[in-house]
N, C-alpha and C. Protein backbone atom coordinates (compact mmCIF):
# COMPACT_ATOMS: atom_id res chain seq x y z
N MET A 1 161.41 71.94 147.85
CA MET A 1 161.96 73.10 147.17
C MET A 1 160.84 74.11 146.95
N SER A 2 161.02 75.26 147.48
CA SER A 2 159.97 76.27 147.36
C SER A 2 160.15 77.06 146.06
N PRO A 3 159.06 77.62 145.55
CA PRO A 3 159.16 78.38 144.31
C PRO A 3 160.06 79.61 144.44
N GLU A 4 160.21 80.13 145.66
CA GLU A 4 161.05 81.30 145.86
C GLU A 4 162.54 80.95 145.72
N THR A 5 162.91 79.73 146.05
CA THR A 5 164.32 79.38 146.03
C THR A 5 164.74 78.63 144.78
N HIS A 6 163.77 78.12 144.03
CA HIS A 6 164.07 77.35 142.82
C HIS A 6 163.17 77.79 141.66
N ILE A 7 163.71 77.68 140.47
CA ILE A 7 162.97 78.00 139.25
C ILE A 7 163.22 76.90 138.22
N ALA A 8 162.34 76.83 137.23
CA ALA A 8 162.58 75.92 136.11
C ALA A 8 163.53 76.61 135.15
N CYS A 9 164.60 75.91 134.80
CA CYS A 9 165.55 76.44 133.81
C CYS A 9 164.82 76.63 132.49
N PHE A 10 164.99 77.80 131.88
CA PHE A 10 164.32 78.06 130.61
C PHE A 10 164.99 77.35 129.45
N GLY A 11 166.14 76.70 129.68
CA GLY A 11 166.78 75.90 128.64
C GLY A 11 166.37 74.45 128.73
N CYS A 12 166.68 73.81 129.86
CA CYS A 12 166.47 72.36 129.98
C CYS A 12 165.23 71.99 130.78
N GLY A 13 164.68 72.93 131.53
CA GLY A 13 163.49 72.64 132.32
C GLY A 13 163.76 72.13 133.73
N ALA A 14 165.02 71.89 134.08
CA ALA A 14 165.35 71.39 135.42
C ALA A 14 165.00 72.42 136.48
N LEU A 15 164.63 71.95 137.65
CA LEU A 15 164.40 72.82 138.78
C LEU A 15 165.75 73.15 139.39
N VAL A 16 166.13 74.43 139.32
CA VAL A 16 167.47 74.86 139.72
C VAL A 16 167.36 76.02 140.72
N PRO A 17 168.41 76.26 141.49
CA PRO A 17 168.38 77.38 142.43
C PRO A 17 168.13 78.71 141.72
N ASN A 18 167.28 79.52 142.33
CA ASN A 18 166.99 80.85 141.81
C ASN A 18 168.02 81.80 142.41
N THR A 19 169.16 81.90 141.75
CA THR A 19 170.29 82.67 142.29
C THR A 19 170.74 83.73 141.30
N GLU A 20 171.55 84.62 141.79
CA GLU A 20 172.26 85.57 140.96
C GLU A 20 173.61 84.96 140.65
N GLY A 21 174.20 85.35 139.56
CA GLY A 21 175.53 84.86 139.26
C GLY A 21 175.81 84.88 137.78
N PRO A 22 176.98 84.37 137.40
CA PRO A 22 177.37 84.40 135.99
C PRO A 22 176.55 83.42 135.16
N THR A 23 176.48 83.74 133.90
CA THR A 23 175.88 82.85 132.89
C THR A 23 176.80 82.87 131.68
N HIS A 24 176.35 82.30 130.62
CA HIS A 24 177.13 82.25 129.38
C HIS A 24 176.58 83.29 128.41
N ALA A 25 177.42 83.77 127.53
CA ALA A 25 177.03 84.84 126.59
C ALA A 25 175.89 84.45 125.66
N TYR A 26 175.83 83.20 125.21
CA TYR A 26 174.77 82.83 124.26
C TYR A 26 174.11 81.49 124.56
N ILE A 27 174.62 80.74 125.52
CA ILE A 27 173.93 79.53 125.95
C ILE A 27 172.80 79.97 126.87
N GLY A 28 171.61 79.53 126.59
CA GLY A 28 170.44 80.00 127.33
C GLY A 28 170.20 79.23 128.62
N ALA A 29 170.76 79.74 129.72
CA ALA A 29 170.56 79.11 131.02
C ALA A 29 170.61 80.16 132.11
N PRO A 30 169.76 80.02 133.13
CA PRO A 30 169.84 80.94 134.26
C PRO A 30 171.06 80.61 135.13
N PRO A 31 171.45 81.54 135.99
CA PRO A 31 172.65 81.33 136.82
C PRO A 31 172.64 80.03 137.63
N GLY A 32 171.52 79.62 138.17
CA GLY A 32 171.47 78.40 138.97
C GLY A 32 171.80 77.15 138.17
N CYS A 33 171.31 77.07 136.95
CA CYS A 33 171.61 75.92 136.09
C CYS A 33 173.07 75.97 135.65
N TRP A 34 173.52 77.17 135.28
CA TRP A 34 174.92 77.33 134.86
C TRP A 34 175.86 76.92 135.99
N ALA A 35 175.51 77.24 137.23
CA ALA A 35 176.35 76.89 138.38
C ALA A 35 176.44 75.38 138.57
N ILE A 36 175.33 74.68 138.38
CA ILE A 36 175.36 73.22 138.49
C ILE A 36 176.26 72.64 137.40
N TYR A 37 176.10 73.12 136.18
CA TYR A 37 176.92 72.67 135.07
C TYR A 37 178.40 72.91 135.34
N THR A 38 178.76 74.10 135.77
CA THR A 38 180.18 74.37 136.01
C THR A 38 180.73 73.55 137.17
N SER A 39 179.88 73.18 138.12
CA SER A 39 180.37 72.30 139.20
C SER A 39 180.66 70.90 138.66
N ILE A 40 179.88 70.46 137.69
CA ILE A 40 180.15 69.17 137.04
C ILE A 40 181.46 69.25 136.26
N LEU A 41 181.67 70.35 135.54
CA LEU A 41 182.92 70.53 134.80
C LEU A 41 184.12 70.55 135.75
N GLU A 42 183.99 71.24 136.86
CA GLU A 42 185.08 71.29 137.84
C GLU A 42 185.43 69.88 138.32
N ARG A 43 184.42 69.09 138.58
CA ARG A 43 184.67 67.71 139.03
C ARG A 43 185.33 66.90 137.93
N GLU A 44 184.86 67.07 136.69
CA GLU A 44 185.47 66.32 135.58
C GLU A 44 186.92 66.73 135.37
N TYR A 45 187.22 68.01 135.41
CA TYR A 45 188.60 68.46 135.21
C TYR A 45 189.49 68.09 136.39
N GLY A 46 188.95 68.15 137.59
CA GLY A 46 189.75 67.91 138.79
C GLY A 46 189.77 66.45 139.21
N GLU A 47 188.81 66.08 139.99
CA GLU A 47 188.75 64.73 140.58
C GLU A 47 188.80 63.62 139.52
N PHE A 48 188.09 63.80 138.41
CA PHE A 48 188.00 62.74 137.41
C PHE A 48 189.06 62.85 136.32
N ARG A 49 189.88 63.87 136.33
CA ARG A 49 191.00 64.05 135.40
C ARG A 49 190.57 64.02 133.91
N ASN A 50 189.52 64.76 133.59
CA ASN A 50 189.05 64.92 132.21
C ASN A 50 188.70 63.57 131.56
N PRO A 51 187.66 62.91 132.05
CA PRO A 51 187.29 61.59 131.53
C PRO A 51 186.75 61.68 130.10
N PRO A 52 186.76 60.57 129.38
CA PRO A 52 186.23 60.57 128.01
C PRO A 52 184.79 61.08 127.90
N CYS A 53 184.00 60.92 128.94
CA CYS A 53 182.61 61.37 128.86
C CYS A 53 182.49 62.90 128.88
N HIS A 54 183.58 63.60 129.12
CA HIS A 54 183.54 65.07 129.15
C HIS A 54 182.98 65.64 127.85
N ARG A 55 183.36 65.06 126.72
CA ARG A 55 182.84 65.50 125.42
C ARG A 55 181.30 65.50 125.44
N LEU A 56 180.71 64.43 126.00
CA LEU A 56 179.25 64.32 126.04
C LEU A 56 178.64 65.30 127.04
N THR A 57 179.34 65.58 128.11
CA THR A 57 178.85 66.56 129.08
C THR A 57 178.66 67.92 128.41
N VAL A 58 179.68 68.37 127.72
CA VAL A 58 179.64 69.67 127.05
C VAL A 58 178.57 69.68 125.96
N ASP A 59 178.54 68.64 125.15
CA ASP A 59 177.57 68.58 124.05
C ASP A 59 176.14 68.53 124.55
N SER A 60 175.89 67.75 125.58
CA SER A 60 174.53 67.62 126.10
C SER A 60 174.04 68.94 126.67
N TYR A 61 174.88 69.58 127.45
CA TYR A 61 174.46 70.84 128.06
C TYR A 61 174.19 71.90 126.99
N ALA A 62 175.10 72.05 126.05
CA ALA A 62 174.93 73.07 125.01
C ALA A 62 173.69 72.80 124.17
N ALA A 63 173.42 71.54 123.85
CA ALA A 63 172.25 71.21 123.03
C ALA A 63 170.94 71.44 123.80
N GLN A 64 171.00 71.35 125.12
CA GLN A 64 169.80 71.60 125.92
C GLN A 64 169.55 73.08 126.15
N HIS A 65 170.53 73.91 125.91
CA HIS A 65 170.43 75.33 126.21
C HIS A 65 170.78 76.14 124.97
N PRO A 66 169.97 76.04 123.91
CA PRO A 66 170.33 76.66 122.64
C PRO A 66 170.29 78.19 122.63
N GLY A 67 169.66 78.79 123.61
CA GLY A 67 169.56 80.25 123.60
C GLY A 67 168.57 80.72 122.55
N VAL A 68 168.85 81.88 121.99
CA VAL A 68 167.98 82.46 120.97
C VAL A 68 168.75 82.50 119.64
N PRO A 69 168.03 82.52 118.53
CA PRO A 69 168.73 82.51 117.24
C PRO A 69 169.73 83.66 117.09
N SER A 70 170.96 83.29 116.88
CA SER A 70 172.05 84.22 116.58
C SER A 70 173.15 83.39 115.92
N ARG A 71 174.09 84.03 115.29
CA ARG A 71 175.15 83.28 114.60
C ARG A 71 175.84 82.30 115.54
N ARG A 72 176.21 82.75 116.73
CA ARG A 72 176.94 81.89 117.66
C ARG A 72 176.07 80.75 118.20
N SER A 73 174.83 81.04 118.54
CA SER A 73 173.99 79.97 119.09
C SER A 73 173.62 78.95 118.01
N ILE A 74 173.41 79.41 116.80
CA ILE A 74 173.11 78.48 115.70
C ILE A 74 174.29 77.53 115.47
N GLN A 75 175.50 78.09 115.42
CA GLN A 75 176.68 77.24 115.24
C GLN A 75 176.88 76.31 116.44
N SER A 76 176.65 76.81 117.63
CA SER A 76 176.82 75.99 118.83
C SER A 76 175.92 74.77 118.81
N VAL A 77 174.65 74.98 118.52
CA VAL A 77 173.71 73.85 118.47
C VAL A 77 174.15 72.87 117.39
N ALA A 78 174.52 73.37 116.22
CA ALA A 78 174.95 72.49 115.12
C ALA A 78 176.15 71.65 115.54
N VAL A 79 177.17 72.30 116.09
CA VAL A 79 178.39 71.59 116.48
C VAL A 79 178.10 70.53 117.54
N HIS A 80 177.35 70.88 118.54
CA HIS A 80 177.12 69.95 119.65
C HIS A 80 176.19 68.80 119.25
N LEU A 81 175.23 69.07 118.39
CA LEU A 81 174.39 67.96 117.91
C LEU A 81 175.19 67.05 116.98
N VAL A 82 176.03 67.61 116.13
CA VAL A 82 176.88 66.77 115.28
C VAL A 82 177.77 65.89 116.16
N SER A 83 178.32 66.46 117.21
CA SER A 83 179.16 65.67 118.11
C SER A 83 178.37 64.52 118.75
N LEU A 84 177.17 64.81 119.21
CA LEU A 84 176.34 63.72 119.78
C LEU A 84 176.10 62.63 118.73
N HIS A 85 175.84 63.03 117.51
CA HIS A 85 175.66 62.08 116.41
C HIS A 85 176.92 61.22 116.22
N LEU A 86 178.08 61.87 116.19
CA LEU A 86 179.33 61.14 115.96
C LEU A 86 179.60 60.14 117.08
N VAL A 87 179.40 60.55 118.31
CA VAL A 87 179.71 59.68 119.45
C VAL A 87 178.65 58.61 119.66
N LEU A 88 177.39 59.01 119.66
CA LEU A 88 176.32 58.06 120.01
C LEU A 88 175.90 57.16 118.86
N GLU A 89 175.92 57.67 117.64
CA GLU A 89 175.47 56.85 116.51
C GLU A 89 176.62 56.21 115.73
N LEU A 90 177.75 56.91 115.64
CA LEU A 90 178.85 56.40 114.82
C LEU A 90 180.02 55.88 115.66
N ALA A 91 179.87 55.89 116.97
CA ALA A 91 180.85 55.32 117.91
C ALA A 91 182.23 55.97 117.82
N PHE A 92 182.27 57.27 117.50
CA PHE A 92 183.54 57.99 117.59
C PHE A 92 183.94 58.06 119.05
N ASP A 93 185.24 57.92 119.34
CA ASP A 93 185.66 58.18 120.72
C ASP A 93 185.79 59.69 120.88
N HIS A 94 186.01 60.15 122.12
CA HIS A 94 186.00 61.59 122.37
C HIS A 94 187.09 62.33 121.60
N GLN A 95 188.24 61.72 121.40
CA GLN A 95 189.31 62.38 120.66
C GLN A 95 188.98 62.48 119.17
N GLU A 96 188.43 61.40 118.61
CA GLU A 96 188.02 61.43 117.20
C GLU A 96 186.94 62.49 116.97
N ALA A 97 185.99 62.54 117.88
CA ALA A 97 184.91 63.52 117.75
C ALA A 97 185.45 64.95 117.82
N THR A 98 186.36 65.20 118.74
CA THR A 98 186.93 66.54 118.87
C THR A 98 187.69 66.93 117.61
N ARG A 99 188.47 66.02 117.05
CA ARG A 99 189.18 66.31 115.79
C ARG A 99 188.20 66.57 114.65
N ALA A 100 187.16 65.76 114.58
CA ALA A 100 186.16 65.93 113.52
C ALA A 100 185.46 67.28 113.66
N LEU A 101 185.18 67.69 114.87
CA LEU A 101 184.50 68.97 115.07
C LEU A 101 185.37 70.15 114.65
N ALA A 102 186.66 70.02 114.82
CA ALA A 102 187.56 71.08 114.36
C ALA A 102 187.44 71.24 112.85
N LYS A 103 187.36 70.12 112.13
CA LYS A 103 187.15 70.16 110.68
C LYS A 103 185.77 70.71 110.35
N PHE A 104 184.78 70.27 111.09
CA PHE A 104 183.39 70.63 110.84
C PHE A 104 183.19 72.14 110.94
N THR A 105 183.76 72.75 111.96
CA THR A 105 183.55 74.19 112.15
C THR A 105 184.31 75.04 111.14
N GLY A 106 185.31 74.49 110.50
CA GLY A 106 186.09 75.25 109.54
C GLY A 106 185.73 75.00 108.10
N ASN A 107 184.65 74.30 107.84
CA ASN A 107 184.37 73.87 106.46
C ASN A 107 183.44 74.78 105.68
N GLY A 108 182.85 75.77 106.33
CA GLY A 108 181.98 76.70 105.61
C GLY A 108 180.58 76.20 105.32
N VAL A 109 180.20 75.04 105.85
CA VAL A 109 178.84 74.56 105.66
C VAL A 109 177.89 75.51 106.40
N PRO A 110 176.88 76.03 105.72
CA PRO A 110 175.96 76.95 106.41
C PRO A 110 175.03 76.17 107.34
N TYR A 111 174.89 76.68 108.54
CA TYR A 111 173.97 76.08 109.50
C TYR A 111 172.71 76.93 109.52
N ILE A 112 171.63 76.32 109.92
CA ILE A 112 170.39 77.05 110.09
C ILE A 112 169.89 76.83 111.51
N TRP A 113 169.06 77.73 111.97
CA TRP A 113 168.43 77.56 113.27
C TRP A 113 167.44 76.42 113.16
N ILE A 114 167.55 75.47 114.04
CA ILE A 114 166.56 74.40 114.11
C ILE A 114 165.84 74.55 115.44
N GLU A 115 164.54 74.46 115.38
CA GLU A 115 163.73 74.69 116.58
C GLU A 115 164.02 73.63 117.63
N PRO A 116 164.31 74.07 118.85
CA PRO A 116 164.56 73.11 119.94
C PRO A 116 163.31 72.28 120.23
N PRO A 117 163.51 71.12 120.83
CA PRO A 117 162.37 70.28 121.19
C PRO A 117 161.45 71.01 122.17
N THR A 118 160.16 70.78 122.01
CA THR A 118 159.20 71.35 122.96
C THR A 118 158.82 70.29 123.97
N ALA A 119 158.84 70.66 125.23
CA ALA A 119 158.50 69.77 126.34
C ALA A 119 159.23 68.42 126.24
N PRO A 120 160.55 68.47 126.10
CA PRO A 120 161.28 67.21 125.96
C PRO A 120 161.30 66.40 127.26
N ASP A 121 161.35 65.11 127.09
CA ASP A 121 161.47 64.21 128.23
C ASP A 121 162.93 63.78 128.27
N TRP A 122 163.77 64.62 128.87
CA TRP A 122 165.20 64.34 128.89
C TRP A 122 165.76 64.48 130.28
N LEU A 123 166.93 63.92 130.47
CA LEU A 123 167.65 64.10 131.71
C LEU A 123 168.37 65.44 131.64
N THR A 124 168.81 65.94 132.80
CA THR A 124 169.46 67.25 132.86
C THR A 124 170.69 67.17 133.77
N VAL A 125 171.34 68.31 133.94
CA VAL A 125 172.50 68.38 134.85
C VAL A 125 172.13 67.94 136.26
N VAL A 126 170.90 68.16 136.66
CA VAL A 126 170.46 67.75 138.00
C VAL A 126 170.55 66.23 138.14
N ASP A 127 170.29 65.51 137.06
CA ASP A 127 170.37 64.05 137.09
C ASP A 127 171.81 63.54 137.08
N VAL A 128 172.74 64.39 136.69
CA VAL A 128 174.15 63.99 136.60
C VAL A 128 174.92 64.32 137.87
N CYS A 129 174.63 65.46 138.46
CA CYS A 129 175.44 65.90 139.61
C CYS A 129 175.28 64.95 140.80
N GLY A 130 176.33 64.88 141.58
CA GLY A 130 176.29 64.09 142.79
C GLY A 130 176.57 62.61 142.64
N ALA A 131 177.05 62.18 141.48
CA ALA A 131 177.40 60.76 141.32
C ALA A 131 178.49 60.42 142.34
N PRO A 132 178.40 59.25 142.96
CA PRO A 132 179.35 58.90 144.02
C PRO A 132 180.76 58.61 143.53
N ASP A 133 180.91 58.27 142.25
CA ASP A 133 182.24 57.92 141.73
C ASP A 133 182.25 58.10 140.21
N LEU A 134 183.42 57.93 139.62
CA LEU A 134 183.56 58.14 138.18
C LEU A 134 182.71 57.18 137.36
N THR A 135 182.63 55.93 137.76
CA THR A 135 181.84 54.95 137.01
C THR A 135 180.38 55.39 136.92
N GLU A 136 179.82 55.79 138.04
CA GLU A 136 178.42 56.24 138.06
C GLU A 136 178.28 57.56 137.31
N HIS A 137 179.25 58.45 137.45
CA HIS A 137 179.21 59.71 136.71
C HIS A 137 179.15 59.45 135.20
N GLU A 138 180.03 58.59 134.71
CA GLU A 138 180.04 58.27 133.28
C GLU A 138 178.72 57.65 132.85
N ARG A 139 178.16 56.77 133.65
CA ARG A 139 176.88 56.15 133.33
C ARG A 139 175.79 57.22 133.20
N ARG A 140 175.77 58.15 134.14
CA ARG A 140 174.76 59.21 134.12
C ARG A 140 174.94 60.13 132.92
N VAL A 141 176.18 60.47 132.61
CA VAL A 141 176.43 61.36 131.47
C VAL A 141 176.00 60.69 130.16
N ILE A 142 176.30 59.43 130.00
CA ILE A 142 175.91 58.72 128.77
C ILE A 142 174.38 58.66 128.65
N ARG A 143 173.69 58.38 129.73
CA ARG A 143 172.22 58.36 129.71
C ARG A 143 171.67 59.74 129.38
N TRP A 144 172.28 60.77 129.97
CA TRP A 144 171.87 62.16 129.71
C TRP A 144 172.06 62.48 128.22
N ALA A 145 173.22 62.16 127.68
CA ALA A 145 173.51 62.44 126.28
C ALA A 145 172.52 61.74 125.35
N ARG A 146 172.23 60.49 125.64
CA ARG A 146 171.26 59.76 124.80
C ARG A 146 169.87 60.41 124.87
N SER A 147 169.49 60.86 126.06
CA SER A 147 168.17 61.48 126.19
C SER A 147 168.10 62.81 125.43
N VAL A 148 169.19 63.55 125.44
CA VAL A 148 169.24 64.81 124.69
C VAL A 148 169.19 64.54 123.19
N TRP A 149 170.01 63.61 122.73
CA TRP A 149 170.01 63.27 121.30
C TRP A 149 168.62 62.80 120.87
N ASP A 150 168.01 61.94 121.66
CA ASP A 150 166.67 61.44 121.32
C ASP A 150 165.65 62.57 121.25
N ALA A 151 165.77 63.55 122.13
CA ALA A 151 164.81 64.66 122.14
C ALA A 151 164.88 65.51 120.87
N TRP A 152 166.03 65.54 120.24
CA TRP A 152 166.21 66.29 118.99
C TRP A 152 165.89 65.44 117.76
N SER A 153 165.20 64.33 117.91
CA SER A 153 164.99 63.36 116.82
C SER A 153 164.36 63.99 115.57
N GLU A 154 163.55 64.98 115.72
CA GLU A 154 162.92 65.64 114.58
C GLU A 154 163.97 66.22 113.62
N HIS A 155 165.17 66.50 114.15
CA HIS A 155 166.21 67.14 113.35
C HIS A 155 167.40 66.22 113.06
N HIS A 156 167.27 64.93 113.37
CA HIS A 156 168.39 64.02 113.15
C HIS A 156 168.85 64.01 111.70
N ASP A 157 167.94 64.02 110.75
CA ASP A 157 168.34 63.99 109.34
C ASP A 157 169.14 65.24 108.97
N THR A 158 168.75 66.38 109.49
CA THR A 158 169.49 67.62 109.23
C THR A 158 170.90 67.51 109.79
N VAL A 159 171.01 67.05 111.04
CA VAL A 159 172.32 66.92 111.69
C VAL A 159 173.20 65.93 110.95
N ARG A 160 172.63 64.80 110.57
CA ARG A 160 173.39 63.80 109.82
C ARG A 160 173.87 64.38 108.49
N SER A 161 173.03 65.18 107.85
CA SER A 161 173.40 65.81 106.59
C SER A 161 174.55 66.78 106.78
N TRP A 162 174.49 67.60 107.83
CA TRP A 162 175.60 68.51 108.10
C TRP A 162 176.90 67.73 108.26
N ALA A 163 176.83 66.66 109.04
CA ALA A 163 178.04 65.86 109.29
C ALA A 163 178.56 65.22 108.00
N SER A 164 177.68 64.60 107.23
CA SER A 164 178.14 63.89 106.04
C SER A 164 178.64 64.83 104.96
N ARG A 165 178.09 66.04 104.85
CA ARG A 165 178.56 67.01 103.85
C ARG A 165 179.91 67.60 104.18
N SER A 166 180.27 67.57 105.45
CA SER A 166 181.49 68.28 105.82
C SER A 166 182.59 67.40 106.37
N LEU A 167 182.30 66.15 106.64
CA LEU A 167 183.30 65.27 107.24
C LEU A 167 183.44 64.00 106.43
N ASP A 168 184.65 63.49 106.37
CA ASP A 168 184.88 62.17 105.78
C ASP A 168 184.56 61.16 106.86
N LEU A 169 183.40 60.55 106.78
CA LEU A 169 182.95 59.65 107.83
C LEU A 169 183.40 58.20 107.61
N ASN A 170 184.21 57.99 106.58
CA ASN A 170 184.81 56.67 106.38
C ASN A 170 186.12 56.61 107.17
N ARG A 171 186.08 55.97 108.33
CA ARG A 171 187.24 55.98 109.22
C ARG A 171 188.09 54.74 109.06
N GLY A 172 187.73 53.83 108.20
CA GLY A 172 188.49 52.60 108.11
C GLY A 172 189.34 52.58 106.94
């Protein structure tokens, strides 16, 4: 891969195509990284029929690409890190996590900008794309999600606090 055709994503650090194209309004990713991500989403919605790991795909990508401090990016990072916490630490299934996040975003808890990890050792969309089948895709997404959650470890207490202040975490 030559430097002219590929660049390091300024969000996740992955080596991605240096292309023109659409991006997201506040998720910080260049067009090449965004294109890889949307191709993964297309596969999940189409071929894989919206698998349970889809929740982790969205959360992992958004948490890796926080953008710059703004109301929307601050809320996005908070929501997606809380979701990773619910799924990976509290064993919420994807439907439970989605319902909890609807409550979480409507509760008025103030979020703050938390500094993204510097030089994280995490997996990226590049590590997920190209899985030969759904089983391998799910395995890759779960590993990716765990690596993203681990990279944000400095802020785990903050994320846990946001979740516990705004959600009834007693599910039994």
